[in-house]
Amino acid sequence: MLTDIDNGRMVIRIQQAKGNKDWLVSISPQLLIQLRAYYKIYRPNGLLFEGPTGKAYWSESVRVAITGAAEQCGITVRVIPHMLRYSFAPPLLEAETDIRIIQAI
């Protein structure tokens, strides 16, 4: 939902994720700018990313979108949505962020 974006803390709350748990996901200032631009264009009513019927996207739709984006970028390896989760920590480790902080995130 749109109310799940916390501009002050720079996080998005993901409701009912894996295991029916809510998760907080950090966002960058650049992503926040992009989300605001997206909102101005599409004006979603409840969910941030609504399907054509105004309901949530199915996981298969997300997979197809990510696969298509990878193809457009010329990425030849198999890309799946779960890879986004694993792409989060390596840049933090390279920036010498304390491992305990990364684990807490």
PDB file of N, CA and C in Angstrom:
ATOM      1  N   MET A   1       0.836  -1.171   0.000  1.00  0.00           N
ATOM      2  CA  MET A   1       0.000   0.000   0.000  1.00  0.00           C
ATOM      3  C   MET A   1       0.891   1.249   0.000  1.00  0.00           C
ATOM      4  N   LEU A   2       0.338   2.301  -0.468  1.00  0.00           N
ATOM      5  CA  LEU A   2       1.101   3.550  -0.530  1.00  0.00           C
ATOM      6  C   LEU A   2       1.539   4.016   0.847  1.00  0.00           C
ATOM      7  N   THR A   3       0.754   3.705   1.843  1.00  0.00           N
ATOM      8  CA  THR A   3       1.085   4.119   3.210  1.00  0.00           C
ATOM      9  C   THR A   3       2.256   3.327   3.788  1.00  0.00           C
ATOM     10  N   ASP A   4       2.722   2.303   3.071  1.00  0.00           N
ATOM     11  CA  ASP A   4       3.828   1.479   3.550  1.00  0.00           C
ATOM     12  C   ASP A   4       5.193   2.066   3.210  1.00  0.00           C
ATOM     13  N   ILE A   5       5.216   3.205   2.521  1.00  0.00           N
ATOM     14  CA  ILE A   5       6.482   3.873   2.225  1.00  0.00           C
ATOM     15  C   ILE A   5       6.747   4.888   3.325  1.00  0.00           C
ATOM     16  N   ASP A   6       7.861   4.718   4.006  1.00  0.00           N
ATOM     17  CA  ASP A   6       8.243   5.625   5.079  1.00  0.00           C
ATOM     18  C   ASP A   6       9.400   6.489   4.582  1.00  0.00           C
ATOM     19  N   ASN A   7       9.076   7.700   4.131  1.00  0.00           N
ATOM     20  CA  ASN A   7      10.084   8.614   3.588  1.00  0.00           C
ATOM     21  C   ASN A   7      11.143   8.987   4.619  1.00  0.00           C
ATOM     22  N   GLY A   8      10.742   9.165   5.855  1.00  0.00           N
ATOM     23  CA  GLY A   8      11.673   9.583   6.899  1.00  0.00           C
ATOM     24  C   GLY A   8      12.724   8.533   7.204  1.00  0.00           C
ATOM     25  N   ARG A   9      12.298   7.268   7.274  1.00  0.00           N
ATOM     26  CA  ARG A   9      13.220   6.177   7.587  1.00  0.00           C
ATOM     27  C   ARG A   9      13.791   5.526   6.330  1.00  0.00           C
ATOM     28  N   MET A  10      13.305   5.928   5.159  1.00  0.00           N
ATOM     29  CA  MET A  10      13.760   5.391   3.873  1.00  0.00           C
ATOM     30  C   MET A  10      13.587   3.873   3.808  1.00  0.00           C
ATOM     31  N   VAL A  11      12.376   3.417   4.119  1.00  0.00           N
ATOM     32  CA  VAL A  11      12.053   1.997   4.046  1.00  0.00           C
ATOM     33  C   VAL A  11      10.663   1.815   3.442  1.00  0.00           C
ATOM     34  N   ILE A  12      10.446   0.630   2.910  1.00  0.00           N
ATOM     35  CA  ILE A  12       9.126   0.206   2.455  1.00  0.00           C
ATOM     36  C   ILE A  12       8.770  -1.031   3.264  1.00  0.00           C
ATOM     37  N   ARG A  13       7.553  -1.061   3.764  1.00  0.00           N
ATOM     38  CA  ARG A  13       7.087  -2.243   4.496  1.00  0.00           C
ATOM     39  C   ARG A  13       6.400  -3.175   3.502  1.00  0.00           C
ATOM     40  N   ILE A  14       6.874  -4.403   3.434  1.00  0.00           N
ATOM     41  CA  ILE A  14       6.287  -5.425   2.578  1.00  0.00           C
ATOM     42  C   ILE A  14       5.391  -6.269   3.470  1.00  0.00           C
ATOM     43  N   GLN A  15       4.096  -6.231   3.206  1.00  0.00           N
ATOM     44  CA  GLN A  15       3.141  -6.954   4.038  1.00  0.00           C
ATOM     45  C   GLN A  15       2.945  -8.381   3.546  1.00  0.00           C
ATOM     46  N   GLN A  16       2.812  -9.289   4.500  1.00  0.00           N
ATOM     47  CA  GLN A  16       2.486 -10.682   4.209  1.00  0.00           C
ATOM     48  C   GLN A  16       3.461 -11.297   3.205  1.00  0.00           C
ATOM     49  N   ALA A  17       4.752 -11.090   3.427  1.00  0.00           N
ATOM     50  CA  ALA A  17       5.777 -11.667   2.552  1.00  0.00           C
ATOM     51  C   ALA A  17       5.929 -13.148   2.889  1.00  0.00           C
ATOM     52  N   LYS A  18       7.053 -13.721   2.513  1.00  0.00           N
ATOM     53  CA  LYS A  18       7.294 -15.134   2.752  1.00  0.00           C
ATOM     54  C   LYS A  18       7.077 -15.468   4.221  1.00  0.00           C
ATOM     55  N   GLY A  19       6.333 -16.531   4.478  1.00  0.00           N
ATOM     56  CA  GLY A  19       6.029 -16.912   5.848  1.00  0.00           C
ATOM     57  C   GLY A  19       4.975 -16.024   6.479  1.00  0.00           C
ATOM     58  N   ASN A  20       4.249 -15.274   5.653  1.00  0.00           N
ATOM     59  CA  ASN A  20       3.225 -14.334   6.118  1.00  0.00           C
ATOM     60  C   ASN A  20       3.768 -13.322   7.120  1.00  0.00           C
ATOM     61  N   LYS A  21       5.022 -12.949   6.936  1.00  0.00           N
ATOM     62  CA  LYS A  21       5.647 -11.958   7.802  1.00  0.00           C
ATOM     63  C   LYS A  21       5.736 -10.628   7.072  1.00  0.00           C
ATOM     64  N   ASP A  22       5.727  -9.548   7.835  1.00  0.00           N
ATOM     65  CA  ASP A  22       5.970  -8.228   7.267  1.00  0.00           C
ATOM     66  C   ASP A  22       7.468  -7.952   7.313  1.00  0.00           C
ATOM     67  N   TRP A  23       8.000  -7.316   6.263  1.00  0.00           N
ATOM     68  CA  TRP A  23       9.416  -7.019   6.173  1.00  0.00           C
ATOM     69  C   TRP A  23       9.610  -5.540   5.917  1.00  0.00           C
ATOM     70  N   LEU A  24      10.688  -4.979   6.444  1.00  0.00           N
ATOM     71  CA  LEU A  24      11.093  -3.618   6.108  1.00  0.00           C
ATOM     72  C   LEU A  24      12.269  -3.705   5.147  1.00  0.00           C
ATOM     73  N   VAL A  25      12.160  -3.010   4.022  1.00  0.00           N
ATOM     74  CA  VAL A  25      13.193  -3.027   2.998  1.00  0.00           C
ATOM     75  C   VAL A  25      13.718  -1.609   2.831  1.00  0.00           C
ATOM     76  N   SER A  26      15.025  -1.453   2.942  1.00  0.00           N
ATOM     77  CA  SER A  26      15.645  -0.141   2.765  1.00  0.00           C
ATOM     78  C   SER A  26      15.523   0.309   1.318  1.00  0.00           C
ATOM     79  N   ILE A  27      15.343   1.610   1.121  1.00  0.00           N
ATOM     80  CA  ILE A  27      15.319   2.169  -0.225  1.00  0.00           C
ATOM     81  C   ILE A  27      16.304   3.328  -0.287  1.00  0.00           C
ATOM     82  N   SER A  28      16.836   3.541  -1.465  1.00  0.00           N
ATOM     83  CA  SER A  28      17.791   4.621  -1.662  1.00  0.00           C
ATOM     84  C   SER A  28      17.045   5.911  -2.013  1.00  0.00           C
ATOM     85  N   PRO A  29      17.695   7.038  -1.852  1.00  0.00           N
ATOM     86  CA  PRO A  29      17.063   8.302  -2.272  1.00  0.00           C
ATOM     87  C   PRO A  29      16.698   8.291  -3.757  1.00  0.00           C
ATOM     88  N   GLN A  30      17.535   7.644  -4.586  1.00  0.00           N
ATOM     89  CA  GLN A  30      17.246   7.568  -6.020  1.00  0.00           C
ATOM     90  C   GLN A  30      15.975   6.767  -6.288  1.00  0.00           C
ATOM     91  N   LEU A  31      15.795   5.662  -5.548  1.00  0.00           N
ATOM     92  CA  LEU A  31      14.589   4.864  -5.724  1.00  0.00           C
ATOM     93  C   LEU A  31      13.364   5.653  -5.290  1.00  0.00           C
ATOM     94  N   LEU A  32      13.476   6.401  -4.216  1.00  0.00           N
ATOM     95  CA  LEU A  32      12.352   7.213  -3.765  1.00  0.00           C
ATOM     96  C   LEU A  32      11.946   8.225  -4.837  1.00  0.00           C
ATOM     97  N   ILE A  33      12.915   8.810  -5.505  1.00  0.00           N
ATOM     98  CA  ILE A  33      12.628   9.743  -6.606  1.00  0.00           C
ATOM     99  C   ILE A  33      11.877   9.013  -7.717  1.00  0.00           C
ATOM    100  N   GLN A  34      12.331   7.814  -8.063  1.00  0.00           N
ATOM    101  CA  GLN A  34      11.684   7.030  -9.117  1.00  0.00           C
ATOM    102  C   GLN A  34      10.263   6.625  -8.713  1.00  0.00           C
ATOM    103  N   LEU A  35      10.080   6.253  -7.460  1.00  0.00           N
ATOM    104  CA  LEU A  35       8.741   5.882  -6.990  1.00  0.00           C
ATOM    105  C   LEU A  35       7.785   7.076  -7.049  1.00  0.00           C
ATOM    106  N   ARG A  36       8.280   8.254  -6.714  1.00  0.00           N
ATOM    107  CA  ARG A  36       7.442   9.454  -6.805  1.00  0.00           C
ATOM    108  C   ARG A  36       7.055   9.745  -8.253  1.00  0.00           C
ATOM    109  N   ALA A  37       8.003   9.581  -9.176  1.00  0.00           N
ATOM    110  CA  ALA A  37       7.711   9.792 -10.602  1.00  0.00           C
ATOM    111  C   ALA A  37       6.692   8.766 -11.085  1.00  0.00           C
ATOM    112  N   TYR A  38       6.854   7.516 -10.664  1.00  0.00           N
ATOM    113  CA  TYR A  38       5.913   6.450 -11.017  1.00  0.00           C
ATOM    114  C   TYR A  38       4.506   6.811 -10.517  1.00  0.00           C
ATOM    115  N   TYR A  39       4.444   7.282  -9.276  1.00  0.00           N
ATOM    116  CA  TYR A  39       3.149   7.632  -8.688  1.00  0.00           C
ATOM    117  C   TYR A  39       2.462   8.748  -9.477  1.00  0.00           C
ATOM    118  N   LYS A  40       3.227   9.744  -9.884  1.00  0.00           N
ATOM    119  CA  LYS A  40       2.646  10.866 -10.630  1.00  0.00           C
ATOM    120  C   LYS A  40       2.054  10.411 -11.957  1.00  0.00           C
ATOM    121  N   ILE A  41       2.683   9.419 -12.574  1.00  0.00           N
ATOM    122  CA  ILE A  41       2.213   8.937 -13.873  1.00  0.00           C
ATOM    123  C   ILE A  41       1.009   8.009 -13.717  1.00  0.00           C
ATOM    124  N   TYR A  42       1.100   7.016 -12.831  1.00  0.00           N
ATOM    125  CA  TYR A  42       0.095   5.949 -12.766  1.00  0.00           C
ATOM    126  C   TYR A  42      -0.986   6.160 -11.710  1.00  0.00           C
ATOM    127  N   ARG A  43      -0.747   6.995 -10.721  1.00  0.00           N
ATOM    128  CA  ARG A  43      -1.718   7.289  -9.672  1.00  0.00           C
ATOM    129  C   ARG A  43      -2.419   6.042  -9.113  1.00  0.00           C
ATOM    130  N   PRO A  44      -1.653   5.106  -8.539  1.00  0.00           N
ATOM    131  CA  PRO A  44      -2.293   3.915  -7.966  1.00  0.00           C
ATOM    132  C   PRO A  44      -3.194   4.302  -6.800  1.00  0.00           C
ATOM    133  N   ASN A  45      -4.268   3.540  -6.614  1.00  0.00           N
ATOM    134  CA  ASN A  45      -5.258   3.874  -5.580  1.00  0.00           C
ATOM    135  C   ASN A  45      -4.942   3.286  -4.220  1.00  0.00           C
ATOM    136  N   GLY A  46      -4.454   2.070  -4.187  1.00  0.00           N
ATOM    137  CA  GLY A  46      -4.184   1.434  -2.904  1.00  0.00           C
ATOM    138  C   GLY A  46      -2.818   0.810  -2.884  1.00  0.00           C
ATOM    139  N   LEU A  47      -2.646  -0.191  -3.733  1.00  0.00           N
ATOM    140  CA  LEU A  47      -1.355  -0.858  -3.859  1.00  0.00           C
ATOM    141  C   LEU A  47      -0.407   0.014  -4.659  1.00  0.00           C
ATOM    142  N   LEU A  48       0.851  -0.067  -4.357  1.00  0.00           N
ATOM    143  CA  LEU A  48       1.831   0.727  -5.107  1.00  0.00           C
ATOM    144  C   LEU A  48       1.906   0.253  -6.550  1.00  0.00           C
ATOM    145  N   PHE A  49       1.992  -1.065  -6.741  1.00  0.00           N
ATOM    146  CA  PHE A  49       2.041  -1.638  -8.087  1.00  0.00           C
ATOM    147  C   PHE A  49       0.793  -2.479  -8.291  1.00  0.00           C
ATOM    148  N   GLU A  50      -0.186  -1.899  -8.951  1.00  0.00           N
ATOM    149  CA  GLU A  50      -1.451  -2.578  -9.191  1.00  0.00           C
ATOM    150  C   GLU A  50      -1.446  -3.228 -10.565  1.00  0.00           C
ATOM    151  N   GLY A  51      -2.083  -4.387 -10.638  1.00  0.00           N
ATOM    152  CA  GLY A  51      -2.277  -5.031 -11.932  1.00  0.00           C
ATOM    153  C   GLY A  51      -3.369  -4.299 -12.695  1.00  0.00           C
ATOM    154  N   PRO A  52      -3.661  -4.758 -13.913  1.00  0.00           N
ATOM    155  CA  PRO A  52      -4.672  -4.085 -14.739  1.00  0.00           C
ATOM    156  C   PRO A  52      -6.049  -3.999 -14.090  1.00  0.00           C
ATOM    157  N   THR A  53      -6.356  -4.925 -13.194  1.00  0.00           N
ATOM    158  CA  THR A  53      -7.663  -4.928 -12.537  1.00  0.00           C
ATOM    159  C   THR A  53      -7.654  -4.157 -11.220  1.00  0.00           C
ATOM    160  N   GLY A  54      -6.512  -3.574 -10.866  1.00  0.00           N
ATOM    161  CA  GLY A  54      -6.404  -2.840  -9.609  1.00  0.00           C
ATOM    162  C   GLY A  54      -6.041  -3.721  -8.431  1.00  0.00           C
ATOM    163  N   LYS A  55      -5.791  -4.999  -8.685  1.00  0.00           N
ATOM    164  CA  LYS A  55      -5.406  -5.934  -7.624  1.00  0.00           C
ATOM    165  C   LYS A  55      -3.899  -6.186  -7.673  1.00  0.00           C
ATOM    166  N   ALA A  56      -3.411  -6.919  -6.693  1.00  0.00           N
ATOM    167  CA  ALA A  56      -1.979  -7.228  -6.618  1.00  0.00           C
ATOM    168  C   ALA A  56      -1.553  -8.101  -7.788  1.00  0.00           C
ATOM    169  N   TYR A  57      -0.292  -7.940  -8.198  1.00  0.00           N
ATOM    170  CA  TYR A  57       0.276  -8.790  -9.232  1.00  0.00           C
ATOM    171  C   TYR A  57       0.504 -10.193  -8.686  1.00  0.00           C
ATOM    172  N   TRP A  58       0.378 -11.186  -9.545  1.00  0.00           N
ATOM    173  CA  TRP A  58       0.700 -12.561  -9.192  1.00  0.00           C
ATOM    174  C   TRP A  58       2.210 -12.718  -9.258  1.00  0.00           C
ATOM    175  N   SER A  59       2.747 -13.689  -8.542  1.00  0.00           N
ATOM    176  CA  SER A  59       4.189 -13.923  -8.541  1.00  0.00           C
ATOM    177  C   SER A  59       4.685 -14.239  -9.946  1.00  0.00           C
ATOM    178  N   GLU A  60       3.889 -14.909 -10.756  1.00  0.00           N
ATOM    179  CA  GLU A  60       4.287 -15.226 -12.124  1.00  0.00           C
ATOM    180  C   GLU A  60       4.446 -13.948 -12.947  1.00  0.00           C
ATOM    181  N   SER A  61       3.593 -12.965 -12.716  1.00  0.00           N
ATOM    182  CA  SER A  61       3.706 -11.692 -13.427  1.00  0.00           C
ATOM    183  C   SER A  61       5.008 -10.985 -13.069  1.00  0.00           C
ATOM    184  N   VAL A  62       5.394 -11.062 -11.818  1.00  0.00           N
ATOM    185  CA  VAL A  62       6.648 -10.450 -11.372  1.00  0.00           C
ATOM    186  C   VAL A  62       7.828 -11.161 -12.030  1.00  0.00           C
ATOM    187  N   ARG A  63       7.771 -12.484 -12.081  1.00  0.00           N
ATOM    188  CA  ARG A  63       8.844 -13.255 -12.703  1.00  0.00           C
ATOM    189  C   ARG A  63       8.987 -12.889 -14.175  1.00  0.00           C
ATOM    190  N   VAL A  64       7.876 -12.788 -14.878  1.00  0.00           N
ATOM    191  CA  VAL A  64       7.907 -12.446 -16.305  1.00  0.00           C
ATOM    192  C   VAL A  64       8.490 -11.037 -16.499  1.00  0.00           C
ATOM    193  N   ALA A  65       8.107 -10.103 -15.644  1.00  0.00           N
ATOM    194  CA  ALA A  65       8.609  -8.726 -15.756  1.00  0.00           C
ATOM    195  C   ALA A  65      10.118  -8.673 -15.522  1.00  0.00           C
ATOM    196  N   ILE A  66      10.605  -9.384 -14.522  1.00  0.00           N
ATOM    197  CA  ILE A  66      12.032  -9.372 -14.218  1.00  0.00           C
ATOM    198  C   ILE A  66      12.821 -10.077 -15.319  1.00  0.00           C
ATOM    199  N   THR A  67      12.289 -11.176 -15.820  1.00  0.00           N
ATOM    200  CA  THR A  67      12.951 -11.884 -16.920  1.00  0.00           C
ATOM    201  C   THR A  67      13.027 -10.991 -18.157  1.00  0.00           C
ATOM    202  N   GLY A  68      11.931 -10.290 -18.466  1.00  0.00           N
ATOM    203  CA  GLY A  68      11.917  -9.386 -19.613  1.00  0.00           C
ATOM    204  C   GLY A  68      12.893  -8.233 -19.461  1.00  0.00           C
ATOM    205  N   ALA A  69      12.978  -7.686 -18.264  1.00  0.00           N
ATOM    206  CA  ALA A  69      13.915  -6.583 -18.010  1.00  0.00           C
ATOM    207  C   ALA A  69      15.355  -7.058 -18.177  1.00  0.00           C
ATOM    208  N   ALA A  70      15.635  -8.271 -17.712  1.00  0.00           N
ATOM    209  CA  ALA A  70      16.989  -8.818 -17.861  1.00  0.00           C
ATOM    210  C   ALA A  70      17.328  -8.999 -19.336  1.00  0.00           C
ATOM    211  N   GLU A  71      16.380  -9.488 -20.116  1.00  0.00           N
ATOM    212  CA  GLU A  71      16.616  -9.666 -21.550  1.00  0.00           C
ATOM    213  C   GLU A  71      16.886  -8.325 -22.229  1.00  0.00           C
ATOM    214  N   GLN A  72      16.120  -7.305 -21.870  1.00  0.00           N
ATOM    215  CA  GLN A  72      16.317  -5.971 -22.450  1.00  0.00           C
ATOM    216  C   GLN A  72      17.692  -5.406 -22.109  1.00  0.00           C
ATOM    217  N   CYS A  73      18.223  -5.788 -20.959  1.00  0.00           N
ATOM    218  CA  CYS A  73      19.539  -5.307 -20.529  1.00  0.00           C
ATOM    219  C   CYS A  73      20.670  -6.154 -21.094  1.00  0.00           C
ATOM    220  N   GLY A  74      20.325  -7.212 -21.824  1.00  0.00           N
ATOM    221  CA  GLY A  74      21.349  -8.064 -22.407  1.00  0.00           C
ATOM    222  C   GLY A  74      21.928  -9.085 -21.436  1.00  0.00           C
ATOM    223  N   ILE A  75      21.246  -9.328 -20.341  1.00  0.00           N
ATOM    224  CA  ILE A  75      21.705 -10.321 -19.365  1.00  0.00           C
ATOM    225  C   ILE A  75      21.334 -11.698 -19.896  1.00  0.00           C
ATOM    226  N   THR A  76      22.330 -12.563 -20.037  1.00  0.00           N
ATOM    227  CA  THR A  76      22.089 -13.858 -20.668  1.00  0.00           C
ATOM    228  C   THR A  76      21.889 -14.997 -19.671  1.00  0.00           C
ATOM    229  N   VAL A  77      22.249 -14.810 -18.411  1.00  0.00           N
ATOM    230  CA  VAL A  77      22.031 -15.862 -17.414  1.00  0.00           C
ATOM    231  C   VAL A  77      20.574 -15.835 -16.970  1.00  0.00           C
ATOM    232  N   ARG A  78      20.116 -16.948 -16.430  1.00  0.00           N
ATOM    233  CA  ARG A  78      18.744 -17.041 -15.935  1.00  0.00           C
ATOM    234  C   ARG A  78      18.580 -16.108 -14.740  1.00  0.00           C
ATOM    235  N   VAL A  79      17.549 -15.264 -14.780  1.00  0.00           N
ATOM    236  CA  VAL A  79      17.294 -14.295 -13.712  1.00  0.00           C
ATOM    237  C   VAL A  79      15.938 -14.606 -13.090  1.00  0.00           C
ATOM    238  N   ILE A  80      15.910 -14.661 -11.761  1.00  0.00           N
ATOM    239  CA  ILE A  80      14.663 -14.908 -11.039  1.00  0.00           C
ATOM    240  C   ILE A  80      14.483 -13.828  -9.970  1.00  0.00           C
ATOM    241  N   PRO A  81      13.245 -13.573  -9.547  1.00  0.00           N
ATOM    242  CA  PRO A  81      13.009 -12.516  -8.554  1.00  0.00           C
ATOM    243  C   PRO A  81      13.798 -12.688  -7.262  1.00  0.00           C
ATOM    244  N   HIS A  82      14.031 -13.922  -6.847  1.00  0.00           N
ATOM    245  CA  HIS A  82      14.736 -14.148  -5.582  1.00  0.00           C
ATOM    246  C   HIS A  82      16.157 -13.610  -5.618  1.00  0.00           C
ATOM    247  N   MET A  83      16.715 -13.433  -6.805  1.00  0.00           N
ATOM    248  CA  MET A  83      18.068 -12.891  -6.934  1.00  0.00           C
ATOM    249  C   MET A  83      18.156 -11.469  -6.385  1.00  0.00           C
ATOM    250  N   LEU A  84      17.051 -10.744  -6.428  1.00  0.00           N
ATOM    251  CA  LEU A  84      17.055  -9.379  -5.904  1.00  0.00           C
ATOM    252  C   LEU A  84      17.396  -9.379  -4.417  1.00  0.00           C
ATOM    253  N   ARG A  85      16.908 -10.379  -3.719  1.00  0.00           N
ATOM    254  CA  ARG A  85      17.196 -10.479  -2.288  1.00  0.00           C
ATOM    255  C   ARG A  85      18.690 -10.672  -2.049  1.00  0.00           C
ATOM    256  N   TYR A  86      19.301 -11.514  -2.864  1.00  0.00           N
ATOM    257  CA  TYR A  86      20.715 -11.823  -2.659  1.00  0.00           C
ATOM    258  C   TYR A  86      21.645 -10.761  -3.221  1.00  0.00           C
ATOM    259  N   SER A  87      21.128  -9.824  -3.969  1.00  0.00           N
ATOM    260  CA  SER A  87      21.985  -8.763  -4.507  1.00  0.00           C
ATOM    261  C   SER A  87      22.111  -7.597  -3.530  1.00  0.00           C
ATOM    262  N   PHE A  88      21.466  -7.691  -2.394  1.00  0.00           N
ATOM    263  CA  PHE A  88      21.433  -6.601  -1.430  1.00  0.00           C
ATOM    264  C   PHE A  88      22.711  -6.507  -0.598  1.00  0.00           C
ATOM    265  N   ALA A  89      23.191  -7.628  -0.076  1.00  0.00           N
ATOM    266  CA  ALA A  89      24.305  -7.614   0.865  1.00  0.00           C
ATOM    267  C   ALA A  89      25.687  -7.366   0.251  1.00  0.00           C
ATOM    268  N   PRO A  90      26.023  -7.919  -0.914  1.00  0.00           N
ATOM    269  CA  PRO A  90      27.392  -7.749  -1.416  1.00  0.00           C
ATOM    270  C   PRO A  90      27.885  -6.307  -1.505  1.00  0.00           C
ATOM    271  N   PRO A  91      27.097  -5.350  -2.010  1.00  0.00           N
ATOM    272  CA  PRO A  91      27.622  -3.975  -2.036  1.00  0.00           C
ATOM    273  C   PRO A  91      27.886  -3.418  -0.637  1.00  0.00           C
ATOM    274  N   LEU A  92      27.069  -3.823   0.325  1.00  0.00           N
ATOM    275  CA  LEU A  92      27.301  -3.368   1.702  1.00  0.00           C
ATOM    276  C   LEU A  92      28.598  -3.959   2.254  1.00  0.00           C
ATOM    277  N   LEU A  93      28.837  -5.231   1.956  1.00  0.00           N
ATOM    278  CA  LEU A  93      30.076  -5.861   2.401  1.00  0.00           C
ATOM    279  C   LEU A  93      31.290  -5.194   1.757  1.00  0.00           C
ATOM    280  N   GLU A  94      31.171  -4.888   0.464  1.00  0.00           N
ATOM    281  CA  GLU A  94      32.277  -4.225  -0.237  1.00  0.00           C
ATOM    282  C   GLU A  94      32.546  -2.832   0.335  1.00  0.00           C
ATOM    283  N   ALA A  95      31.503  -2.190   0.865  1.00  0.00           N
ATOM    284  CA  ALA A  95      31.667  -0.870   1.471  1.00  0.00           C
ATOM    285  C   ALA A  95      32.107  -0.980   2.929  1.00  0.00           C
ATOM    286  N   GLU A  96      32.443  -2.211   3.338  1.00  0.00           N
ATOM    287  CA  GLU A  96      32.945  -2.508   4.682  1.00  0.00           C
ATOM    288  C   GLU A  96      31.935  -2.203   5.787  1.00  0.00           C
ATOM    289  N   THR A  97      30.647  -2.418   5.468  1.00  0.00           N
ATOM    290  CA  THR A  97      29.600  -2.306   6.488  1.00  0.00           C
ATOM    291  C   THR A  97      29.747  -3.486   7.443  1.00  0.00           C
ATOM    292  N   ASP A  98      29.577  -3.221   8.729  1.00  0.00           N
ATOM    293  CA  ASP A  98      29.693  -4.270   9.739  1.00  0.00           C
ATOM    294  C   ASP A  98      28.680  -5.379   9.444  1.00  0.00           C
ATOM    295  N   ILE A  99      29.136  -6.624   9.487  1.00  0.00           N
ATOM    296  CA  ILE A  99      28.292  -7.774   9.177  1.00  0.00           C
ATOM    297  C   ILE A  99      27.069  -7.857  10.089  1.00  0.00           C
ATOM    298  N   ARG A 100      27.199  -7.408  11.339  1.00  0.00           N
ATOM    299  CA  ARG A 100      26.063  -7.457  12.267  1.00  0.00           C
ATOM    300  C   ARG A 100      24.967  -6.490  11.822  1.00  0.00           C
ATOM    301  N   ILE A 101      25.351  -5.379  11.232  1.00  0.00           N
ATOM    302  CA  ILE A 101      24.362  -4.428  10.713  1.00  0.00           C
ATOM    303  C   ILE A 101      23.639  -5.029   9.517  1.00  0.00           C
ATOM    304  N   ILE A 102      24.395  -5.668   8.627  1.00  0.00           N
ATOM    305  CA  ILE A 102      23.783  -6.291   7.456  1.00  0.00           C
ATOM    306  C   ILE A 102      22.814  -7.398   7.889  1.00  0.00           C
ATOM    307  N   GLN A 103      23.204  -8.193   8.873  1.00  0.00           N
ATOM    308  CA  GLN A 103      22.329  -9.261   9.362  1.00  0.00           C
ATOM    309  C   GLN A 103      21.047  -8.690   9.961  1.00  0.00           C
ATOM    310  N   ALA A 104      21.150  -7.575  10.646  1.00  0.00           N
ATOM    311  CA  ALA A 104      19.975  -6.950  11.239  1.00  0.00           C
ATOM    312  C   ALA A 104      19.028  -6.413  10.171  1.00  0.00           C
ATOM    313  N   ILE A 105      19.611  -5.904   9.078  1.00  0.00           N
ATOM    314  CA  ILE A 105      18.794  -5.384   7.966  1.00  0.00           C
ATOM    315  C   ILE A 105      18.070  -6.526   7.315  1.00  0.00           C
TER     316      ILE A 105
END
